[in-house]
Amino acid sequence: MRAVLHLIKLSVGPKDVATLRALQSRRIESDPPLRHLTRMMPKRVEELLDGGSIYWVVAGLLCVRQRLLDIQTMPGNDGTPHAALILDPELVPVEARRMKPFQGWRYLQGEAVPPDITAGAAASGIEALPEALRRELQLLCLI
């Protein structure tokens, strides 16, 4: 059984998942489909589109992912070709871990992929906690 290939990327701007969610909601309404432009085109597109996701590092925590639906070439604001990562709008919480800043995106697979927070964990109330409290608990590595 082969490991699914994913991307990991810093979320620049949003300081929490709620802000990322709101920003993406506005983007979907104004210019669907939901996409994120990045300068470099992944070389392993077929592998990424075979079940891969983009894992977001928000304010130093790898804590949420979105399924990759497609990867296209689109012009950036300066007219140069960029990779347009077409994303599923659903943000799936994952077990948070601290991440140091890095530029661009990286491939992520195997043991490095954090597990999703299960429906059981969400039912236990973790998802119902206020964002600020959940973030503090994540920073302390308690959830």
N, C-alpha and C. Protein backbone atom coordinates (compact mmCIF):
# COMPACT_ATOMS: atom_id res chain seq x y z
N MET A 1 0.85 -1.18 0.00
CA MET A 1 0.00 0.00 0.00
C MET A 1 0.90 1.25 0.00
N ARG A 2 0.64 2.14 -0.92
CA ARG A 2 1.46 3.34 -1.03
C ARG A 2 0.91 4.46 -0.16
N ALA A 3 1.81 5.33 0.27
CA ALA A 3 1.42 6.47 1.09
C ALA A 3 0.89 7.58 0.18
N VAL A 4 -0.13 8.27 0.66
CA VAL A 4 -0.70 9.40 -0.08
C VAL A 4 0.25 10.58 0.07
N LEU A 5 0.42 11.34 -1.00
CA LEU A 5 1.30 12.50 -0.99
C LEU A 5 0.47 13.76 -0.74
N HIS A 6 0.97 14.64 0.12
CA HIS A 6 0.29 15.88 0.49
C HIS A 6 1.26 17.05 0.35
N LEU A 7 0.72 18.25 0.51
CA LEU A 7 1.52 19.47 0.59
C LEU A 7 1.36 20.08 1.97
N ILE A 8 2.36 20.81 2.41
CA ILE A 8 2.27 21.60 3.64
C ILE A 8 2.66 23.02 3.27
N LYS A 9 1.90 24.00 3.80
CA LYS A 9 2.12 25.40 3.44
C LYS A 9 1.78 26.28 4.63
N LEU A 10 2.53 27.38 4.76
CA LEU A 10 2.21 28.38 5.78
C LEU A 10 0.99 29.17 5.34
N SER A 11 0.10 29.42 6.27
CA SER A 11 -1.03 30.32 6.03
C SER A 11 -0.55 31.71 6.44
N VAL A 12 -0.30 32.56 5.46
CA VAL A 12 0.23 33.89 5.73
C VAL A 12 -0.94 34.86 5.87
N GLY A 13 -0.99 35.54 6.98
CA GLY A 13 -2.08 36.50 7.23
C GLY A 13 -2.99 36.05 8.35
N PRO A 14 -3.84 35.01 8.11
CA PRO A 14 -4.74 34.56 9.17
C PRO A 14 -3.98 34.09 10.40
N LYS A 15 -4.42 34.55 11.56
CA LYS A 15 -3.77 34.19 12.82
C LYS A 15 -4.45 33.03 13.54
N ASP A 16 -5.58 32.56 12.98
CA ASP A 16 -6.27 31.40 13.52
C ASP A 16 -7.11 30.77 12.42
N VAL A 17 -7.64 29.58 12.68
CA VAL A 17 -8.40 28.85 11.68
C VAL A 17 -9.70 29.57 11.36
N ALA A 18 -10.32 30.19 12.34
CA ALA A 18 -11.57 30.92 12.09
C ALA A 18 -11.36 32.04 11.06
N THR A 19 -10.24 32.75 11.15
CA THR A 19 -9.93 33.81 10.20
C THR A 19 -9.65 33.23 8.82
N LEU A 20 -8.92 32.10 8.76
CA LEU A 20 -8.68 31.42 7.49
C LEU A 20 -10.00 31.01 6.86
N ARG A 21 -10.90 30.44 7.67
CA ARG A 21 -12.21 30.00 7.17
C ARG A 21 -13.00 31.19 6.62
N ALA A 22 -13.01 32.31 7.32
CA ALA A 22 -13.75 33.50 6.88
C ALA A 22 -13.16 34.05 5.57
N LEU A 23 -11.84 34.11 5.50
CA LEU A 23 -11.16 34.59 4.29
C LEU A 23 -11.52 33.71 3.09
N GLN A 24 -11.47 32.41 3.28
CA GLN A 24 -11.78 31.49 2.19
C GLN A 24 -13.25 31.57 1.80
N SER A 25 -14.13 31.76 2.75
CA SER A 25 -15.56 31.91 2.44
C SER A 25 -15.80 33.11 1.55
N ARG A 26 -15.13 34.22 1.85
CA ARG A 26 -15.25 35.41 1.00
C ARG A 26 -14.72 35.14 -0.41
N ARG A 27 -13.62 34.41 -0.50
CA ARG A 27 -13.05 34.09 -1.81
C ARG A 27 -14.00 33.21 -2.63
N ILE A 28 -14.63 32.25 -1.99
CA ILE A 28 -15.57 31.36 -2.69
C ILE A 28 -16.74 32.17 -3.25
N GLU A 29 -17.26 33.08 -2.44
CA GLU A 29 -18.41 33.89 -2.87
C GLU A 29 -18.04 34.83 -4.01
N SER A 30 -16.87 35.44 -3.96
CA SER A 30 -16.51 36.45 -4.95
C SER A 30 -15.89 35.87 -6.23
N ASP A 31 -15.19 34.72 -6.13
CA ASP A 31 -14.48 34.21 -7.31
C ASP A 31 -14.26 32.70 -7.20
N PRO A 32 -15.36 31.91 -7.34
CA PRO A 32 -15.20 30.46 -7.23
C PRO A 32 -14.43 29.91 -8.43
N PRO A 33 -13.83 28.73 -8.32
CA PRO A 33 -13.75 27.86 -7.15
C PRO A 33 -12.68 28.35 -6.17
N LEU A 34 -12.69 27.78 -4.97
CA LEU A 34 -11.69 28.14 -3.97
C LEU A 34 -10.33 27.68 -4.46
N ARG A 35 -9.39 28.62 -4.53
CA ARG A 35 -8.04 28.27 -4.98
C ARG A 35 -7.01 29.10 -4.22
N HIS A 36 -5.83 28.53 -4.18
CA HIS A 36 -4.69 29.22 -3.59
C HIS A 36 -3.59 29.24 -4.64
N LEU A 37 -3.09 30.43 -4.96
CA LEU A 37 -2.00 30.55 -5.93
C LEU A 37 -0.66 30.47 -5.24
N THR A 38 0.23 29.71 -5.82
CA THR A 38 1.60 29.61 -5.34
C THR A 38 2.51 29.61 -6.56
N ARG A 39 3.67 30.17 -6.39
CA ARG A 39 4.56 30.40 -7.53
C ARG A 39 5.04 29.12 -8.20
N MET A 40 5.42 28.15 -7.43
CA MET A 40 6.04 26.94 -7.98
C MET A 40 5.01 25.83 -8.21
N MET A 41 5.06 25.23 -9.38
CA MET A 41 4.18 24.12 -9.72
C MET A 41 4.77 22.82 -9.17
N PRO A 42 3.99 22.05 -8.41
CA PRO A 42 4.50 20.75 -7.95
C PRO A 42 4.80 19.84 -9.14
N LYS A 43 5.85 19.06 -9.03
CA LYS A 43 6.22 18.13 -10.10
C LYS A 43 5.44 16.82 -9.99
N ARG A 44 4.87 16.56 -8.81
CA ARG A 44 4.19 15.29 -8.55
C ARG A 44 2.67 15.48 -8.48
N VAL A 45 2.14 16.20 -9.46
CA VAL A 45 0.71 16.57 -9.47
C VAL A 45 -0.19 15.34 -9.41
N GLU A 46 0.09 14.32 -10.24
CA GLU A 46 -0.77 13.14 -10.26
C GLU A 46 -0.86 12.48 -8.89
N GLU A 47 0.26 12.39 -8.20
CA GLU A 47 0.26 11.78 -6.87
C GLU A 47 -0.54 12.63 -5.88
N LEU A 48 -0.38 13.95 -5.97
CA LEU A 48 -1.11 14.84 -5.06
C LEU A 48 -2.61 14.75 -5.27
N LEU A 49 -3.03 14.60 -6.52
CA LEU A 49 -4.46 14.56 -6.82
C LEU A 49 -5.08 13.19 -6.59
N ASP A 50 -4.28 12.24 -6.15
CA ASP A 50 -4.77 10.90 -5.85
C ASP A 50 -5.04 10.78 -4.34
N GLY A 51 -5.84 11.72 -3.81
CA GLY A 51 -6.21 11.67 -2.39
C GLY A 51 -5.45 12.63 -1.50
N GLY A 52 -4.62 13.50 -2.08
CA GLY A 52 -3.79 14.41 -1.28
C GLY A 52 -4.55 15.63 -0.76
N SER A 53 -3.96 16.26 0.22
CA SER A 53 -4.51 17.46 0.84
C SER A 53 -3.39 18.50 0.98
N ILE A 54 -3.80 19.72 1.25
CA ILE A 54 -2.84 20.74 1.66
C ILE A 54 -3.02 20.91 3.16
N TYR A 55 -1.93 20.80 3.90
CA TYR A 55 -1.93 20.97 5.35
C TYR A 55 -1.45 22.38 5.64
N TRP A 56 -2.27 23.14 6.37
CA TRP A 56 -1.97 24.54 6.67
C TRP A 56 -1.29 24.70 8.01
N VAL A 57 -0.23 25.49 8.03
CA VAL A 57 0.42 25.91 9.27
C VAL A 57 -0.13 27.30 9.56
N VAL A 58 -0.92 27.41 10.61
CA VAL A 58 -1.56 28.67 10.99
C VAL A 58 -0.93 29.15 12.29
N ALA A 59 -0.27 30.31 12.23
CA ALA A 59 0.37 30.91 13.40
C ALA A 59 1.29 29.92 14.12
N GLY A 60 2.09 29.20 13.34
CA GLY A 60 3.08 28.31 13.92
C GLY A 60 2.60 26.91 14.25
N LEU A 61 1.33 26.61 13.99
CA LEU A 61 0.78 25.28 14.27
C LEU A 61 0.26 24.65 12.99
N LEU A 62 0.72 23.45 12.69
CA LEU A 62 0.11 22.66 11.64
C LEU A 62 -1.17 22.11 12.26
N CYS A 63 -2.33 22.59 11.83
CA CYS A 63 -3.54 22.25 12.57
C CYS A 63 -4.78 21.97 11.73
N VAL A 64 -4.70 22.14 10.41
CA VAL A 64 -5.89 21.94 9.59
C VAL A 64 -5.46 21.57 8.17
N ARG A 65 -6.34 20.84 7.47
CA ARG A 65 -6.04 20.45 6.10
C ARG A 65 -7.27 20.65 5.21
N GLN A 66 -7.00 20.70 3.90
CA GLN A 66 -8.05 20.76 2.90
C GLN A 66 -7.67 19.83 1.76
N ARG A 67 -8.65 19.10 1.26
CA ARG A 67 -8.40 18.18 0.16
C ARG A 67 -8.08 18.95 -1.12
N LEU A 68 -7.08 18.49 -1.85
CA LEU A 68 -6.73 19.07 -3.15
C LEU A 68 -7.65 18.46 -4.22
N LEU A 69 -8.38 19.31 -4.94
CA LEU A 69 -9.29 18.84 -5.98
C LEU A 69 -8.65 18.88 -7.36
N ASP A 70 -7.78 19.86 -7.58
CA ASP A 70 -7.14 20.01 -8.88
C ASP A 70 -5.94 20.95 -8.72
N ILE A 71 -5.05 20.91 -9.66
CA ILE A 71 -3.92 21.85 -9.72
C ILE A 71 -3.83 22.32 -11.17
N GLN A 72 -3.97 23.63 -11.35
CA GLN A 72 -3.98 24.21 -12.68
C GLN A 72 -2.89 25.28 -12.76
N THR A 73 -2.60 25.71 -13.97
CA THR A 73 -1.69 26.84 -14.18
C THR A 73 -2.54 28.08 -14.42
N MET A 74 -2.26 29.15 -13.67
CA MET A 74 -2.96 30.42 -13.81
C MET A 74 -1.95 31.55 -13.68
N PRO A 75 -2.25 32.69 -14.30
CA PRO A 75 -1.33 33.83 -14.13
C PRO A 75 -1.50 34.44 -12.74
N GLY A 76 -0.38 34.83 -12.14
CA GLY A 76 -0.41 35.54 -10.87
C GLY A 76 -0.69 37.02 -11.11
N ASN A 77 -0.67 37.81 -10.06
CA ASN A 77 -0.92 39.25 -10.18
C ASN A 77 0.06 39.93 -11.12
N ASP A 78 1.28 39.40 -11.21
CA ASP A 78 2.29 40.00 -12.08
C ASP A 78 2.29 39.40 -13.49
N GLY A 79 1.35 38.50 -13.76
CA GLY A 79 1.24 37.90 -15.08
C GLY A 79 2.05 36.63 -15.28
N THR A 80 2.95 36.30 -14.36
CA THR A 80 3.75 35.08 -14.51
C THR A 80 2.92 33.86 -14.13
N PRO A 81 3.21 32.70 -14.74
CA PRO A 81 2.44 31.50 -14.43
C PRO A 81 2.63 31.06 -12.98
N HIS A 82 1.54 30.70 -12.34
CA HIS A 82 1.53 30.19 -10.97
C HIS A 82 0.75 28.88 -10.95
N ALA A 83 0.95 28.11 -9.88
CA ALA A 83 0.14 26.91 -9.65
C ALA A 83 -1.10 27.34 -8.87
N ALA A 84 -2.27 27.01 -9.38
CA ALA A 84 -3.53 27.28 -8.68
C ALA A 84 -3.97 25.98 -8.04
N LEU A 85 -3.88 25.92 -6.71
CA LEU A 85 -4.32 24.75 -5.96
C LEU A 85 -5.81 24.90 -5.73
N ILE A 86 -6.61 24.06 -6.38
CA ILE A 86 -8.06 24.11 -6.23
C ILE A 86 -8.40 23.26 -5.01
N LEU A 87 -9.07 23.89 -4.03
CA LEU A 87 -9.28 23.29 -2.72
C LEU A 87 -10.74 22.97 -2.43
N ASP A 88 -10.95 21.88 -1.72
CA ASP A 88 -12.25 21.59 -1.14
C ASP A 88 -12.47 22.63 -0.04
N PRO A 89 -13.64 23.26 0.03
CA PRO A 89 -13.84 24.29 1.06
C PRO A 89 -13.82 23.78 2.50
N GLU A 90 -13.98 22.47 2.70
CA GLU A 90 -14.01 21.94 4.07
C GLU A 90 -12.63 21.97 4.70
N LEU A 91 -12.53 22.63 5.85
CA LEU A 91 -11.30 22.63 6.65
C LEU A 91 -11.41 21.51 7.67
N VAL A 92 -10.50 20.55 7.60
CA VAL A 92 -10.53 19.38 8.48
C VAL A 92 -9.48 19.55 9.56
N PRO A 93 -9.89 19.63 10.83
CA PRO A 93 -8.89 19.78 11.90
C PRO A 93 -8.04 18.51 12.03
N VAL A 94 -6.74 18.72 12.29
CA VAL A 94 -5.82 17.61 12.50
C VAL A 94 -5.14 17.81 13.86
N GLU A 95 -4.53 16.74 14.35
CA GLU A 95 -3.79 16.86 15.60
C GLU A 95 -2.67 17.87 15.41
N ALA A 96 -2.72 18.93 16.18
CA ALA A 96 -1.80 20.06 15.98
C ALA A 96 -0.38 19.71 16.40
N ARG A 97 0.54 20.32 15.67
CA ARG A 97 1.95 20.24 16.06
C ARG A 97 2.63 21.54 15.64
N ARG A 98 3.61 21.93 16.41
CA ARG A 98 4.35 23.16 16.11
C ARG A 98 5.21 22.96 14.87
N MET A 99 5.32 24.04 14.11
CA MET A 99 6.14 24.01 12.90
C MET A 99 6.93 25.31 12.82
N LYS A 100 8.19 25.19 12.46
CA LYS A 100 9.01 26.38 12.22
C LYS A 100 8.64 26.97 10.86
N PRO A 101 8.81 28.27 10.70
CA PRO A 101 8.50 28.89 9.40
C PRO A 101 9.39 28.34 8.29
N PHE A 102 8.85 28.31 7.09
CA PHE A 102 9.59 27.92 5.90
C PHE A 102 8.96 28.65 4.73
N GLN A 103 9.69 28.72 3.63
CA GLN A 103 9.17 29.41 2.45
C GLN A 103 8.53 28.42 1.49
N GLY A 104 7.51 28.89 0.78
CA GLY A 104 6.88 28.07 -0.24
C GLY A 104 6.06 26.95 0.36
N TRP A 105 6.08 25.80 -0.28
CA TRP A 105 5.38 24.62 0.21
C TRP A 105 6.37 23.46 0.22
N ARG A 106 5.99 22.41 0.90
CA ARG A 106 6.80 21.19 0.97
C ARG A 106 5.88 20.00 0.76
N TYR A 107 6.46 18.89 0.29
CA TYR A 107 5.72 17.63 0.24
C TYR A 107 5.63 17.07 1.66
N LEU A 108 4.58 16.33 1.91
CA LEU A 108 4.35 15.73 3.22
C LEU A 108 3.76 14.34 2.99
N GLN A 109 4.34 13.34 3.63
CA GLN A 109 3.81 11.99 3.50
C GLN A 109 4.28 11.11 4.65
N GLY A 110 3.70 9.95 4.70
CA GLY A 110 4.11 8.93 5.67
C GLY A 110 3.88 9.34 7.10
N GLU A 111 4.88 9.10 7.93
CA GLU A 111 4.80 9.36 9.37
C GLU A 111 4.65 10.84 9.70
N ALA A 112 5.02 11.71 8.77
CA ALA A 112 4.95 13.15 9.02
C ALA A 112 3.51 13.70 8.95
N VAL A 113 2.58 12.93 8.41
CA VAL A 113 1.21 13.39 8.25
C VAL A 113 0.46 13.24 9.58
N PRO A 114 -0.04 14.35 10.13
CA PRO A 114 -0.79 14.25 11.39
C PRO A 114 -2.18 13.67 11.16
N PRO A 115 -2.68 12.90 12.09
CA PRO A 115 -4.03 12.33 11.92
C PRO A 115 -5.10 13.40 12.09
N ASP A 116 -6.22 13.16 11.41
CA ASP A 116 -7.38 14.04 11.59
C ASP A 116 -7.88 13.92 13.03
N ILE A 117 -8.47 14.99 13.51
CA ILE A 117 -9.18 14.90 14.78
C ILE A 117 -10.48 14.18 14.47
N THR A 118 -10.69 13.09 15.12
CA THR A 118 -11.82 12.21 14.78
C THR A 118 -13.16 12.81 15.18
N ALA A 119 -14.20 12.24 14.62
CA ALA A 119 -15.55 12.66 14.98
C ALA A 119 -15.78 12.46 16.47
N GLY A 120 -15.15 11.43 17.05
CA GLY A 120 -15.29 11.19 18.49
C GLY A 120 -14.70 12.33 19.29
N ALA A 121 -13.55 12.85 18.85
CA ALA A 121 -12.94 13.98 19.55
C ALA A 121 -13.81 15.22 19.40
N ALA A 122 -14.36 15.42 18.21
CA ALA A 122 -15.24 16.57 18.01
C ALA A 122 -16.48 16.44 18.88
N ALA A 123 -17.00 15.20 18.98
CA ALA A 123 -18.19 14.98 19.81
C ALA A 123 -17.89 15.22 21.28
N SER A 124 -16.62 15.04 21.67
CA SER A 124 -16.27 15.24 23.07
C SER A 124 -16.17 16.71 23.45
N GLY A 125 -16.29 17.59 22.46
CA GLY A 125 -16.34 19.01 22.77
C GLY A 125 -15.16 19.83 22.31
N ILE A 126 -14.12 19.21 21.78
CA ILE A 126 -12.94 19.96 21.35
C ILE A 126 -13.31 21.01 20.32
N GLU A 127 -14.11 20.62 19.34
CA GLU A 127 -14.49 21.57 18.28
C GLU A 127 -15.39 22.68 18.80
N ALA A 128 -16.09 22.43 19.91
CA ALA A 128 -17.00 23.44 20.45
C ALA A 128 -16.28 24.49 21.30
N LEU A 129 -15.02 24.23 21.64
CA LEU A 129 -14.27 25.20 22.45
C LEU A 129 -14.05 26.49 21.66
N PRO A 130 -14.01 27.62 22.32
CA PRO A 130 -13.68 28.86 21.63
C PRO A 130 -12.30 28.74 20.98
N GLU A 131 -12.16 29.36 19.82
CA GLU A 131 -10.92 29.25 19.03
C GLU A 131 -9.69 29.63 19.86
N ALA A 132 -9.77 30.70 20.63
CA ALA A 132 -8.60 31.15 21.41
C ALA A 132 -8.21 30.11 22.45
N LEU A 133 -9.19 29.52 23.12
CA LEU A 133 -8.89 28.50 24.13
C LEU A 133 -8.31 27.25 23.47
N ARG A 134 -8.91 26.83 22.36
CA ARG A 134 -8.41 25.65 21.65
C ARG A 134 -6.97 25.89 21.21
N ARG A 135 -6.67 27.09 20.73
CA ARG A 135 -5.31 27.42 20.29
C ARG A 135 -4.33 27.34 21.46
N GLU A 136 -4.71 27.88 22.62
CA GLU A 136 -3.83 27.81 23.79
C GLU A 136 -3.57 26.36 24.20
N LEU A 137 -4.60 25.55 24.17
CA LEU A 137 -4.43 24.13 24.50
C LEU A 137 -3.53 23.43 23.48
N GLN A 138 -3.64 23.81 22.20
CA GLN A 138 -2.77 23.25 21.17
C GLN A 138 -1.32 23.68 21.41
N LEU A 139 -1.12 24.95 21.74
CA LEU A 139 0.24 25.45 21.99
C LEU A 139 0.90 24.72 23.16
N LEU A 140 0.08 24.33 24.12
CA LEU A 140 0.59 23.58 25.27
C LEU A 140 0.68 22.08 24.98
N CYS A 141 0.30 21.71 23.73
CA CYS A 141 0.30 20.30 23.29
C CYS A 141 -0.62 19.43 24.14
N LEU A 142 -1.72 20.02 24.60
CA LEU A 142 -2.69 19.27 25.39
C LEU A 142 -3.78 18.68 24.52
N ILE A 143 -3.96 19.24 23.34
CA ILE A 143 -4.88 18.63 22.37
C ILE A 143 -4.20 18.66 21.01
